[in-house]
Amino acid sequence: MGFTDGLEEVAEPVWRAIVDHLMVAAFGEGTSDEAPLRHWIGQDYRYLIAYARVFAHGPAKAPDLEQMGAFAELPRSTIDTEMDLHRAYAADAGVSERELDREGAAASRRRRDRLDRLFGRTVRLEAAFLNDAHLAAGTGPGDRRW
């Protein structure tokens, strides 16, 4: 059995709690209040920036050329595809790029601390990847996209 074979079963309760959360359901149905939606859009956008930075370290830690290539694609696709989609979604919701770039002091500190924990010392590639593997997959059970 491979490493990921049992992950879906183990992660199912967490996945279900996220998908069934009232706020997530309201986002999906288009019934959420504007303020929480705008906050989430900005928060998620700033997370993508940190996400790209984390994966930018992948090629250096990869054990072989094939994995180096795979990890080299992740930051670029995050910046060129995910963030472009997010900016378009934000614009549709009336959130400016300036608002997207605004980050509170506490969030900035958490992001820096997280990256420092991952890369301030020697970290195995698996640790960096697994830190956000659920997002790398991009889908849930039955290929259901966020």
Protein backbone atom coordinates (compact mmCIF):
# COMPACT_ATOMS: atom_id res chain seq x y z
CA MET A 1 0.00 0.00 0.00
CA GLY A 2 1.34 3.44 -0.98
CA PHE A 3 1.57 6.38 1.36
CA THR A 4 -1.47 8.20 -0.03
CA ASP A 5 -3.75 5.15 -0.25
CA GLY A 6 -5.20 5.61 3.23
CA LEU A 7 -5.21 9.40 3.36
CA GLU A 8 -8.71 9.90 1.95
CA GLU A 9 -10.24 7.71 4.64
CA VAL A 10 -8.29 9.41 7.42
CA ALA A 11 -9.03 12.90 6.06
CA GLU A 12 -12.75 12.31 5.39
CA PRO A 13 -14.02 13.70 8.74
CA VAL A 14 -11.93 16.85 8.35
CA TRP A 15 -12.93 17.27 4.70
CA ARG A 16 -16.59 16.79 5.59
CA ALA A 17 -16.39 19.37 8.40
CA ILE A 18 -14.90 21.91 5.98
CA VAL A 19 -17.35 21.28 3.15
CA ASP A 20 -20.35 21.24 5.49
CA HIS A 21 -19.34 24.40 7.37
CA LEU A 22 -22.10 27.01 7.23
CA MET A 23 -19.82 29.71 5.82
CA VAL A 24 -18.43 27.46 3.09
CA ALA A 25 -21.96 26.39 2.17
CA ALA A 26 -23.06 30.05 2.04
CA PHE A 27 -20.11 30.89 -0.23
CA GLY A 28 -21.05 28.05 -2.55
CA GLU A 29 -24.72 29.02 -2.63
CA GLY A 30 -23.97 32.72 -3.06
CA THR A 31 -25.85 33.60 0.12
CA SER A 32 -23.00 34.77 2.36
CA ASP A 33 -22.74 38.28 3.72
CA GLU A 34 -20.35 40.51 1.79
CA ALA A 35 -17.86 41.23 4.61
CA PRO A 36 -16.90 37.60 5.36
CA LEU A 37 -16.64 36.83 1.65
CA ARG A 38 -14.36 39.81 1.01
CA HIS A 39 -12.22 38.85 4.01
CA TRP A 40 -11.91 35.26 2.81
CA ILE A 41 -11.00 36.31 -0.74
CA GLY A 42 -8.12 38.47 0.54
CA GLN A 43 -6.98 35.89 3.06
CA ASP A 44 -6.95 33.12 0.47
CA TYR A 45 -5.09 35.27 -2.04
CA ARG A 46 -2.35 36.03 0.49
CA TYR A 47 -2.21 32.35 1.36
CA LEU A 48 -1.50 31.57 -2.30
CA ILE A 49 1.54 33.84 -2.14
CA ALA A 50 2.92 31.87 0.82
CA TYR A 51 1.91 28.61 -0.87
CA ALA A 52 3.99 29.51 -3.95
CA ARG A 53 6.95 30.39 -1.73
CA VAL A 54 6.77 27.06 0.08
CA PHE A 55 6.75 25.12 -3.18
CA ALA A 56 9.59 27.22 -4.61
CA HIS A 57 11.83 25.30 -2.20
CA GLY A 58 10.71 21.93 -3.56
CA PRO A 59 13.17 21.56 -6.45
CA ALA A 60 16.16 22.18 -4.18
CA LYS A 61 15.04 19.44 -1.82
CA ALA A 62 13.90 16.94 -4.47
CA PRO A 63 15.91 13.71 -4.57
CA ASP A 64 15.94 13.35 -8.38
CA LEU A 65 15.49 15.27 -11.62
CA GLU A 66 11.94 14.05 -12.23
CA GLN A 67 10.76 15.32 -8.86
CA MET A 68 12.73 18.54 -9.34
CA GLY A 69 10.75 19.18 -12.52
CA ALA A 70 7.44 18.38 -10.88
CA PHE A 71 8.10 20.70 -7.96
CA ALA A 72 9.43 23.45 -10.24
CA GLU A 73 5.99 23.62 -11.89
CA LEU A 74 4.09 24.19 -8.64
CA PRO A 75 5.08 27.79 -7.82
CA ARG A 76 4.73 28.89 -11.44
CA SER A 77 1.28 27.35 -11.85
CA THR A 78 0.21 28.87 -8.54
CA ILE A 79 1.38 32.34 -9.60
CA ASP A 80 0.25 32.17 -13.24
CA THR A 81 -2.96 30.18 -12.94
CA GLU A 82 -4.32 30.05 -9.39
CA MET A 83 -3.60 33.69 -8.60
CA ASP A 84 -4.93 34.92 -11.96
CA LEU A 85 -8.15 33.00 -11.34
CA HIS A 86 -8.31 34.42 -7.85
CA ARG A 87 -7.79 38.00 -9.06
CA ALA A 88 -10.61 37.53 -11.59
CA TYR A 89 -12.88 36.08 -8.91
CA ALA A 90 -12.00 38.96 -6.59
CA ALA A 91 -12.76 41.53 -9.29
CA ASP A 92 -16.16 39.90 -9.88
CA ALA A 93 -16.82 40.25 -6.14
CA GLY A 94 -15.70 43.90 -6.17
CA VAL A 95 -12.41 43.31 -4.33
CA SER A 96 -9.53 45.38 -5.73
CA GLU A 97 -5.95 44.16 -6.11
CA ARG A 98 -4.96 46.71 -3.48
CA GLU A 99 -7.36 45.05 -1.03
CA LEU A 100 -5.97 41.64 -1.97
CA ASP A 101 -2.45 42.76 -1.10
CA ARG A 102 -3.44 44.20 2.27
CA GLU A 103 -2.35 41.92 5.10
CA GLY A 104 -2.87 42.46 8.78
CA ALA A 105 0.11 42.36 11.14
CA ALA A 106 -0.99 39.12 12.84
CA ALA A 107 -1.49 37.31 9.53
CA SER A 108 1.85 38.56 8.25
CA ARG A 109 3.58 37.33 11.41
CA ARG A 110 1.90 33.90 11.16
CA ARG A 111 2.94 33.57 7.51
CA ARG A 112 6.55 34.53 8.27
CA ASP A 113 6.66 32.19 11.27
CA ARG A 114 5.27 29.33 9.22
CA LEU A 115 7.81 29.80 6.43
CA ASP A 116 10.62 30.17 8.98
CA ARG A 117 9.58 26.91 10.64
CA LEU A 118 9.61 25.15 7.29
CA PHE A 119 12.77 26.63 5.84
CA GLY A 120 14.70 28.23 8.68
CA ARG A 121 16.28 24.86 9.31
CA THR A 122 16.76 21.69 7.30
CA VAL A 123 13.37 20.35 6.34
CA ARG A 124 12.62 17.25 4.33
CA LEU A 125 10.76 17.75 1.07
CA GLU A 126 7.93 15.56 2.31
CA ALA A 127 7.34 17.86 5.29
CA ALA A 128 7.05 20.92 3.08
CA PHE A 129 4.73 19.15 0.65
CA LEU A 130 2.51 17.49 3.24
CA ASN A 131 2.08 20.80 5.01
CA ASP A 132 -0.31 21.76 2.19
CA ALA A 133 -0.90 18.54 0.26
CA HIS A 134 -4.67 18.83 0.58
CA LEU A 135 -4.52 21.99 -1.53
CA ALA A 136 -2.14 20.53 -4.08
CA ALA A 137 -4.75 17.91 -4.91
CA GLY A 138 -7.36 20.60 -5.48
CA THR A 139 -10.23 18.19 -5.26
CA GLY A 140 -12.21 16.33 -2.69
CA PRO A 141 -14.02 13.01 -2.80
CA GLY A 142 -15.36 12.25 -6.26
CA ASP A 143 -13.12 14.93 -7.82
CA ARG A 144 -15.33 17.64 -6.36
CA ARG A 145 -13.51 20.95 -6.79
CA TRP A 146 -13.57 23.76 -4.26
